[in-house]
PDB file of all heavy atoms in Angstrom:
ATOM      1  N   MET A   1     -48.545  76.069 -39.132  1.00  0.00           N
ATOM      2  CA  MET A   1     -47.726  74.983 -38.611  1.00  0.00           C
ATOM      3  C   MET A   1     -47.687  74.982 -37.109  1.00  0.00           C
ATOM      4  O   MET A   1     -47.722  73.909 -36.487  1.00  0.00           O
ATOM      5  CB  MET A   1     -46.294  75.102 -39.170  1.00  0.00           C
ATOM      6  CG  MET A   1     -46.095  74.580 -40.564  1.00  0.00           C
ATOM      7  SD  MET A   1     -44.362  74.238 -40.961  1.00  0.00           S
ATOM      8  CE  MET A   1     -43.610  75.849 -40.680  1.00  0.00           C
ATOM      9  N   VAL A   2     -47.565  76.159 -36.495  1.00  0.00           N
ATOM     10  CA  VAL A   2     -47.533  76.239 -35.032  1.00  0.00           C
ATOM     11  C   VAL A   2     -48.834  75.700 -34.447  1.00  0.00           C
ATOM     12  O   VAL A   2     -48.807  74.972 -33.444  1.00  0.00           O
ATOM     13  CB  VAL A   2     -47.247  77.697 -34.580  1.00  0.00           C
ATOM     14  CG1 VAL A   2     -47.470  77.836 -33.074  1.00  0.00           C
ATOM     15  CG2 VAL A   2     -45.817  78.082 -34.922  1.00  0.00           C
ATOM     16  N   ARG A   3     -49.949  76.073 -35.005  1.00  0.00           N
ATOM     17  CA  ARG A   3     -51.237  75.558 -34.520  1.00  0.00           C
ATOM     18  C   ARG A   3     -51.293  74.032 -34.627  1.00  0.00           C
ATOM     19  O   ARG A   3     -51.760  73.359 -33.712  1.00  0.00           O
ATOM     20  CB  ARG A   3     -52.390  76.186 -35.298  1.00  0.00           C
ATOM     21  CG  ARG A   3     -52.661  77.656 -34.990  1.00  0.00           C
ATOM     22  CD  ARG A   3     -53.994  78.107 -35.508  1.00  0.00           C
ATOM     23  NE  ARG A   3     -54.084  77.997 -36.965  1.00  0.00           N
ATOM     24  CZ  ARG A   3     -53.762  78.977 -37.803  1.00  0.00           C
ATOM     25  NH1 ARG A   3     -53.357  80.159 -37.317  1.00  0.00           N
ATOM     26  NH2 ARG A   3     -53.870  78.844 -39.093  1.00  0.00           N
ATOM     27  N   MET A   4     -50.836  73.494 -35.764  1.00  0.00           N
ATOM     28  CA  MET A   4     -50.832  72.041 -35.906  1.00  0.00           C
ATOM     29  C   MET A   4     -49.909  71.383 -34.925  1.00  0.00           C
ATOM     30  O   MET A   4     -50.195  70.301 -34.390  1.00  0.00           O
ATOM     31  CB  MET A   4     -50.447  71.665 -37.363  1.00  0.00           C
ATOM     32  CG  MET A   4     -51.537  71.976 -38.370  1.00  0.00           C
ATOM     33  SD  MET A   4     -51.144  71.375 -40.055  1.00  0.00           S
ATOM     34  CE  MET A   4     -50.098  72.712 -40.663  1.00  0.00           C
ATOM     35  N   PHE A   5     -48.784  72.024 -34.637  1.00  0.00           N
ATOM     36  CA  PHE A   5     -47.830  71.500 -33.654  1.00  0.00           C
ATOM     37  C   PHE A   5     -48.450  71.487 -32.252  1.00  0.00           C
ATOM     38  O   PHE A   5     -48.316  70.479 -31.542  1.00  0.00           O
ATOM     39  CB  PHE A   5     -46.551  72.335 -33.668  1.00  0.00           C
ATOM     40  CG  PHE A   5     -45.581  71.957 -32.598  1.00  0.00           C
ATOM     41  CD1 PHE A   5     -44.775  70.833 -32.756  1.00  0.00           C
ATOM     42  CD2 PHE A   5     -45.476  72.671 -31.411  1.00  0.00           C
ATOM     43  CE1 PHE A   5     -43.887  70.453 -31.762  1.00  0.00           C
ATOM     44  CE2 PHE A   5     -44.563  72.321 -30.426  1.00  0.00           C
ATOM     45  CZ  PHE A   5     -43.792  71.195 -30.590  1.00  0.00           C
ATOM     46  N   TYR A   6     -49.130  72.550 -31.862  1.00  0.00           N
ATOM     47  CA  TYR A   6     -49.781  72.590 -30.553  1.00  0.00           C
ATOM     48  C   TYR A   6     -50.760  71.408 -30.428  1.00  0.00           C
ATOM     49  O   TYR A   6     -50.787  70.728 -29.404  1.00  0.00           O
ATOM     50  CB  TYR A   6     -50.556  73.890 -30.383  1.00  0.00           C
ATOM     51  CG  TYR A   6     -49.732  75.121 -30.167  1.00  0.00           C
ATOM     52  CD1 TYR A   6     -50.318  76.391 -30.227  1.00  0.00           C
ATOM     53  CD2 TYR A   6     -48.372  75.058 -29.894  1.00  0.00           C
ATOM     54  CE1 TYR A   6     -49.566  77.543 -30.044  1.00  0.00           C
ATOM     55  CE2 TYR A   6     -47.621  76.203 -29.702  1.00  0.00           C
ATOM     56  CZ  TYR A   6     -48.221  77.455 -29.747  1.00  0.00           C
ATOM     57  OH  TYR A   6     -47.498  78.582 -29.551  1.00  0.00           O
ATOM     58  N   SER A   7     -51.521  71.191 -31.458  1.00  0.00           N
ATOM     59  CA  SER A   7     -52.520  70.099 -31.416  1.00  0.00           C
ATOM     60  C   SER A   7     -51.806  68.764 -31.313  1.00  0.00           C
ATOM     61  O   SER A   7     -52.221  67.894 -30.568  1.00  0.00           O
ATOM     62  CB  SER A   7     -53.389  70.154 -32.706  1.00  0.00           C
ATOM     63  OG  SER A   7     -54.271  69.081 -32.752  1.00  0.00           O
ATOM     64  N   GLU A   8     -50.719  68.597 -32.089  1.00  0.00           N
ATOM     65  CA  GLU A   8     -49.958  67.323 -32.046  1.00  0.00           C
ATOM     66  C   GLU A   8     -49.365  67.060 -30.678  1.00  0.00           C
ATOM     67  O   GLU A   8     -49.267  65.910 -30.241  1.00  0.00           O
ATOM     68  CB  GLU A   8     -48.836  67.372 -33.089  1.00  0.00           C
ATOM     69  CG  GLU A   8     -48.162  66.076 -33.365  1.00  0.00           C
ATOM     70  CD  GLU A   8     -49.004  65.098 -34.134  1.00  0.00           C
ATOM     71  OE1 GLU A   8     -49.905  65.528 -34.893  1.00  0.00           O
ATOM     72  OE2 GLU A   8     -48.763  63.858 -34.011  1.00  0.00           O
ATOM     73  N   MET A   9     -48.992  68.109 -29.971  1.00  0.00           N
ATOM     74  CA  MET A   9     -48.387  67.971 -28.649  1.00  0.00           C
ATOM     75  C   MET A   9     -49.413  67.783 -27.546  1.00  0.00           C
ATOM     76  O   MET A   9     -49.066  67.470 -26.396  1.00  0.00           O
ATOM     77  CB  MET A   9     -47.534  69.214 -28.333  1.00  0.00           C
ATOM     78  CG  MET A   9     -46.270  69.324 -29.129  1.00  0.00           C
ATOM     79  SD  MET A   9     -45.078  67.976 -28.793  1.00  0.00           S
ATOM     80  CE  MET A   9     -44.715  68.244 -27.064  1.00  0.00           C
ATOM     81  N   GLY A  10     -50.684  67.976 -27.850  1.00  0.00           N
ATOM     82  CA  GLY A  10     -51.702  67.924 -26.800  1.00  0.00           C
ATOM     83  C   GLY A  10     -51.724  69.209 -25.975  1.00  0.00           C
ATOM     84  O   GLY A  10     -51.996  69.183 -24.800  1.00  0.00           O
ATOM     85  N   TRP A  11     -51.473  70.331 -26.665  1.00  0.00           N
ATOM     86  CA  TRP A  11     -51.514  71.621 -26.024  1.00  0.00           C
ATOM     87  C   TRP A  11     -52.728  72.389 -26.550  1.00  0.00           C
ATOM     88  O   TRP A  11     -53.269  72.075 -27.632  1.00  0.00           O
ATOM     89  CB  TRP A  11     -50.249  72.420 -26.328  1.00  0.00           C
ATOM     90  CG  TRP A  11     -48.975  71.781 -25.813  1.00  0.00           C
ATOM     91  CD1 TRP A  11     -48.881  70.718 -24.991  1.00  0.00           C
ATOM     92  CD2 TRP A  11     -47.639  72.165 -26.126  1.00  0.00           C
ATOM     93  NE1 TRP A  11     -47.553  70.438 -24.739  1.00  0.00           N
ATOM     94  CE2 TRP A  11     -46.799  71.306 -25.421  1.00  0.00           C
ATOM     95  CE3 TRP A  11     -47.071  73.167 -26.928  1.00  0.00           C
ATOM     96  CZ2 TRP A  11     -45.367  71.397 -25.495  1.00  0.00           C
ATOM     97  CZ3 TRP A  11     -45.695  73.288 -27.012  1.00  0.00           C
ATOM     98  CH2 TRP A  11     -44.858  72.390 -26.290  1.00  0.00           C
ATOM     99  N   ASP A  12     -53.185  73.394 -25.799  1.00  0.00           N
ATOM    100  CA  ASP A  12     -54.352  74.163 -26.247  1.00  0.00           C
ATOM    101  C   ASP A  12     -53.902  75.173 -27.294  1.00  0.00           C
ATOM    102  O   ASP A  12     -52.719  75.293 -27.622  1.00  0.00           O
ATOM    103  CB  ASP A  12     -55.056  74.806 -25.069  1.00  0.00           C
ATOM    104  CG  ASP A  12     -54.241  75.937 -24.394  1.00  0.00           C
ATOM    105  OD1 ASP A  12     -53.289  76.435 -25.014  1.00  0.00           O
ATOM    106  OD2 ASP A  12     -54.611  76.321 -23.260  1.00  0.00           O
ATOM    107  N   PRO A  13     -54.861  75.924 -27.905  1.00  0.00           N
ATOM    108  CA  PRO A  13     -54.493  76.886 -28.958  1.00  0.00           C
ATOM    109  C   PRO A  13     -53.544  77.978 -28.536  1.00  0.00           C
ATOM    110  O   PRO A  13     -52.941  78.640 -29.394  1.00  0.00           O
ATOM    111  CB  PRO A  13     -55.858  77.464 -29.385  1.00  0.00           C
ATOM    112  CG  PRO A  13     -56.849  76.392 -29.053  1.00  0.00           C
ATOM    113  CD  PRO A  13     -56.318  75.764 -27.775  1.00  0.00           C
ATOM    114  N   GLN A  14     -53.371  78.187 -27.243  1.00  0.00           N
ATOM    115  CA  GLN A  14     -52.394  79.150 -26.739  1.00  0.00           C
ATOM    116  C   GLN A  14     -51.032  78.498 -26.416  1.00  0.00           C
ATOM    117  O   GLN A  14     -50.157  79.127 -25.837  1.00  0.00           O
ATOM    118  CB  GLN A  14     -52.929  79.860 -25.483  1.00  0.00           C
ATOM    119  CG  GLN A  14     -53.994  80.885 -25.767  1.00  0.00           C
ATOM    120  CD  GLN A  14     -55.337  80.241 -26.176  1.00  0.00           C
ATOM    121  OE1 GLN A  14     -55.800  79.323 -25.501  1.00  0.00           O
ATOM    122  NE2 GLN A  14     -55.920  80.723 -27.261  1.00  0.00           N
ATOM    123  N   GLY A  15     -50.897  77.227 -26.763  1.00  0.00           N
ATOM    124  CA  GLY A  15     -49.635  76.538 -26.568  1.00  0.00           C
ATOM    125  C   GLY A  15     -49.409  76.070 -25.140  1.00  0.00           C
ATOM    126  O   GLY A  15     -48.285  75.802 -24.741  1.00  0.00           O
ATOM    127  N   ARG A  16     -50.504  75.923 -24.382  1.00  0.00           N
ATOM    128  CA  ARG A  16     -50.371  75.473 -23.000  1.00  0.00           C
ATOM    129  C   ARG A  16     -50.718  74.006 -22.890  1.00  0.00           C
ATOM    130  O   ARG A  16     -51.773  73.563 -23.424  1.00  0.00           O
ATOM    131  CB  ARG A  16     -51.328  76.281 -22.095  1.00  0.00           C
ATOM    132  CG  ARG A  16     -51.033  77.756 -22.084  1.00  0.00           C
ATOM    133  CD  ARG A  16     -52.071  78.537 -21.326  1.00  0.00           C
ATOM    134  NE  ARG A  16     -53.379  78.415 -21.920  1.00  0.00           N
ATOM    135  CZ  ARG A  16     -54.382  79.302 -21.743  1.00  0.00           C
ATOM    136  NH1 ARG A  16     -54.171  80.400 -21.048  1.00  0.00           N
ATOM    137  NH2 ARG A  16     -55.549  79.108 -22.295  1.00  0.00           N
ATOM    138  N   PRO A  17     -49.867  73.197 -22.283  1.00  0.00           N
ATOM    139  CA  PRO A  17     -50.203  71.766 -22.122  1.00  0.00           C
ATOM    140  C   PRO A  17     -51.529  71.608 -21.405  1.00  0.00           C
ATOM    141  O   PRO A  17     -51.752  72.243 -20.359  1.00  0.00           O
ATOM    142  CB  PRO A  17     -49.031  71.223 -21.270  1.00  0.00           C
ATOM    143  CG  PRO A  17     -47.891  72.173 -21.548  1.00  0.00           C
ATOM    144  CD  PRO A  17     -48.525  73.505 -21.731  1.00  0.00           C
ATOM    145  N   THR A  18     -52.390  70.747 -21.963  1.00  0.00           N
ATOM    146  CA  THR A  18     -53.704  70.564 -21.321  1.00  0.00           C
ATOM    147  C   THR A  18     -53.588  69.678 -20.105  1.00  0.00           C
ATOM    148  O   THR A  18     -52.575  68.971 -19.917  1.00  0.00           O
ATOM    149  CB  THR A  18     -54.686  69.923 -22.295  1.00  0.00           C
ATOM    150  OG1 THR A  18     -54.188  68.596 -22.660  1.00  0.00           O
ATOM    151  CG2 THR A  18     -54.790  70.723 -23.596  1.00  0.00           C
ATOM    152  N   GLU A  19     -54.595  69.713 -19.254  1.00  0.00           N
ATOM    153  CA  GLU A  19     -54.608  68.859 -18.047  1.00  0.00           C
ATOM    154  C   GLU A  19     -54.546  67.398 -18.450  1.00  0.00           C
ATOM    155  O   GLU A  19     -53.912  66.584 -17.744  1.00  0.00           O
ATOM    156  CB  GLU A  19     -55.841  69.139 -17.203  1.00  0.00           C
ATOM    157  CG  GLU A  19     -55.803  70.508 -16.504  1.00  0.00           C
ATOM    158  CD  GLU A  19     -56.894  70.651 -15.484  1.00  0.00           C
ATOM    159  OE1 GLU A  19     -57.546  69.637 -15.164  1.00  0.00           O
ATOM    160  OE2 GLU A  19     -57.133  71.797 -15.025  1.00  0.00           O
ATOM    161  N   GLU A  20     -55.230  67.031 -19.522  1.00  0.00           N
ATOM    162  CA  GLU A  20     -55.202  65.645 -19.982  1.00  0.00           C
ATOM    163  C   GLU A  20     -53.781  65.201 -20.358  1.00  0.00           C
ATOM    164  O   GLU A  20     -53.367  64.095 -20.019  1.00  0.00           O
ATOM    165  CB  GLU A  20     -56.140  65.478 -21.168  1.00  0.00           C
ATOM    166  CG  GLU A  20     -57.624  65.653 -20.850  1.00  0.00           C
ATOM    167  CD  GLU A  20     -58.059  67.102 -20.730  1.00  0.00           C
ATOM    168  OE1 GLU A  20     -57.240  67.987 -21.078  1.00  0.00           O
ATOM    169  OE2 GLU A  20     -59.197  67.346 -20.310  1.00  0.00           O
ATOM    170  N   THR A  21     -53.085  66.059 -21.081  1.00  0.00           N
ATOM    171  CA  THR A  21     -51.724  65.735 -21.477  1.00  0.00           C
ATOM    172  C   THR A  21     -50.802  65.579 -20.252  1.00  0.00           C
ATOM    173  O   THR A  21     -50.057  64.623 -20.159  1.00  0.00           O
ATOM    174  CB  THR A  21     -51.175  66.832 -22.419  1.00  0.00           C
ATOM    175  OG1 THR A  21     -51.949  66.839 -23.615  1.00  0.00           O
ATOM    176  CG2 THR A  21     -49.713  66.567 -22.768  1.00  0.00           C
ATOM    177  N   LEU A  22     -50.910  66.523 -19.339  1.00  0.00           N
ATOM    178  CA  LEU A  22     -50.065  66.470 -18.155  1.00  0.00           C
ATOM    179  C   LEU A  22     -50.399  65.255 -17.286  1.00  0.00           C
ATOM    180  O   LEU A  22     -49.496  64.611 -16.726  1.00  0.00           O
ATOM    181  CB  LEU A  22     -50.212  67.758 -17.327  1.00  0.00           C
ATOM    182  CG  LEU A  22     -49.725  69.043 -18.035  1.00  0.00           C
ATOM    183  CD1 LEU A  22     -49.971  70.236 -17.132  1.00  0.00           C
ATOM    184  CD2 LEU A  22     -48.264  68.929 -18.433  1.00  0.00           C
ATOM    185  N   SER A  23     -51.664  64.942 -17.188  1.00  0.00           N
ATOM    186  CA  SER A  23     -52.072  63.780 -16.391  1.00  0.00           C
ATOM    187  C   SER A  23     -51.527  62.480 -16.992  1.00  0.00           C
ATOM    188  O   SER A  23     -51.025  61.615 -16.265  1.00  0.00           O
ATOM    189  CB  SER A  23     -53.592  63.706 -16.316  1.00  0.00           C
ATOM    190  OG  SER A  23     -54.017  62.537 -15.644  1.00  0.00           O
ATOM    191  N   ALA A  24     -51.597  62.370 -18.352  1.00  0.00           N
ATOM    192  CA  ALA A  24     -51.043  61.191 -18.985  1.00  0.00           C
ATOM    193  C   ALA A  24     -49.556  61.022 -18.777  1.00  0.00           C
ATOM    194  O   ALA A  24     -49.028  59.905 -18.767  1.00  0.00           O
ATOM    195  CB  ALA A  24     -51.376  61.241 -20.481  1.00  0.00           C
ATOM    196  N   LEU A  25     -48.873  62.174 -18.592  1.00  0.00           N
ATOM    197  CA  LEU A  25     -47.416  62.154 -18.370  1.00  0.00           C
ATOM    198  C   LEU A  25     -47.056  62.174 -16.907  1.00  0.00           C
ATOM    199  O   LEU A  25     -45.887  62.243 -16.549  1.00  0.00           O
ATOM    200  CB  LEU A  25     -46.789  63.373 -19.079  1.00  0.00           C
ATOM    201  CG  LEU A  25     -46.878  63.387 -20.592  1.00  0.00           C
ATOM    202  CD1 LEU A  25     -46.431  64.743 -21.144  1.00  0.00           C
ATOM    203  CD2 LEU A  25     -46.063  62.259 -21.196  1.00  0.00           C
ATOM    204  N   GLN A  26     -48.077  62.098 -16.047  1.00  0.00           N
ATOM    205  CA  GLN A  26     -47.879  62.099 -14.603  1.00  0.00           C
ATOM    206  C   GLN A  26     -47.168  63.380 -14.122  1.00  0.00           C
ATOM    207  O   GLN A  26     -46.264  63.343 -13.280  1.00  0.00           O
ATOM    208  CB  GLN A  26     -47.126  60.845 -14.136  1.00  0.00           C
ATOM    209  CG  GLN A  26     -47.866  59.543 -14.422  1.00  0.00           C
ATOM    210  CD  GLN A  26     -47.122  58.334 -13.938  1.00  0.00           C
ATOM    211  OE1 GLN A  26     -45.919  58.233 -14.073  1.00  0.00           O
ATOM    212  NE2 GLN A  26     -47.873  57.384 -13.339  1.00  0.00           N
ATOM    213  N   ILE A  27     -47.574  64.460 -14.718  1.00  0.00           N
ATOM    214  CA  ILE A  27     -47.057  65.792 -14.315  1.00  0.00           C
ATOM    215  C   ILE A  27     -48.206  66.551 -13.635  1.00  0.00           C
ATOM    216  O   ILE A  27     -49.284  66.693 -14.201  1.00  0.00           O
ATOM    217  CB  ILE A  27     -46.583  66.580 -15.538  1.00  0.00           C
ATOM    218  CG1 ILE A  27     -45.398  65.890 -16.202  1.00  0.00           C
ATOM    219  CG2 ILE A  27     -46.154  68.001 -15.114  1.00  0.00           C
ATOM    220  CD1 ILE A  27     -44.955  66.544 -17.511  1.00  0.00           C
ATOM    221  N   LYS A  28     -47.962  66.991 -12.436  1.00  0.00           N
ATOM    222  CA  LYS A  28     -49.004  67.755 -11.716  1.00  0.00           C
ATOM    223  C   LYS A  28     -49.201  69.112 -12.340  1.00  0.00           C
ATOM    224  O   LYS A  28     -48.259  69.880 -12.453  1.00  0.00           O
ATOM    225  CB  LYS A  28     -48.602  67.911 -10.248  1.00  0.00           C
ATOM    226  CG  LYS A  28     -49.676  68.627  -9.411  1.00  0.00           C
ATOM    227  CD  LYS A  28     -49.223  68.746  -7.976  1.00  0.00           C
ATOM    228  CE  LYS A  28     -50.292  69.477  -7.125  1.00  0.00           C
ATOM    229  NZ  LYS A  28     -49.864  69.629  -5.713  1.00  0.00           N
TER     230      LYS A  28
END
């Protein structure tokens, strides 16, 4: 479930928000 949640959030397998996700949210 945690792995599926990371993917749903746009985070990498280590639970870190990806650059693409942060860029889409206008977060540096």
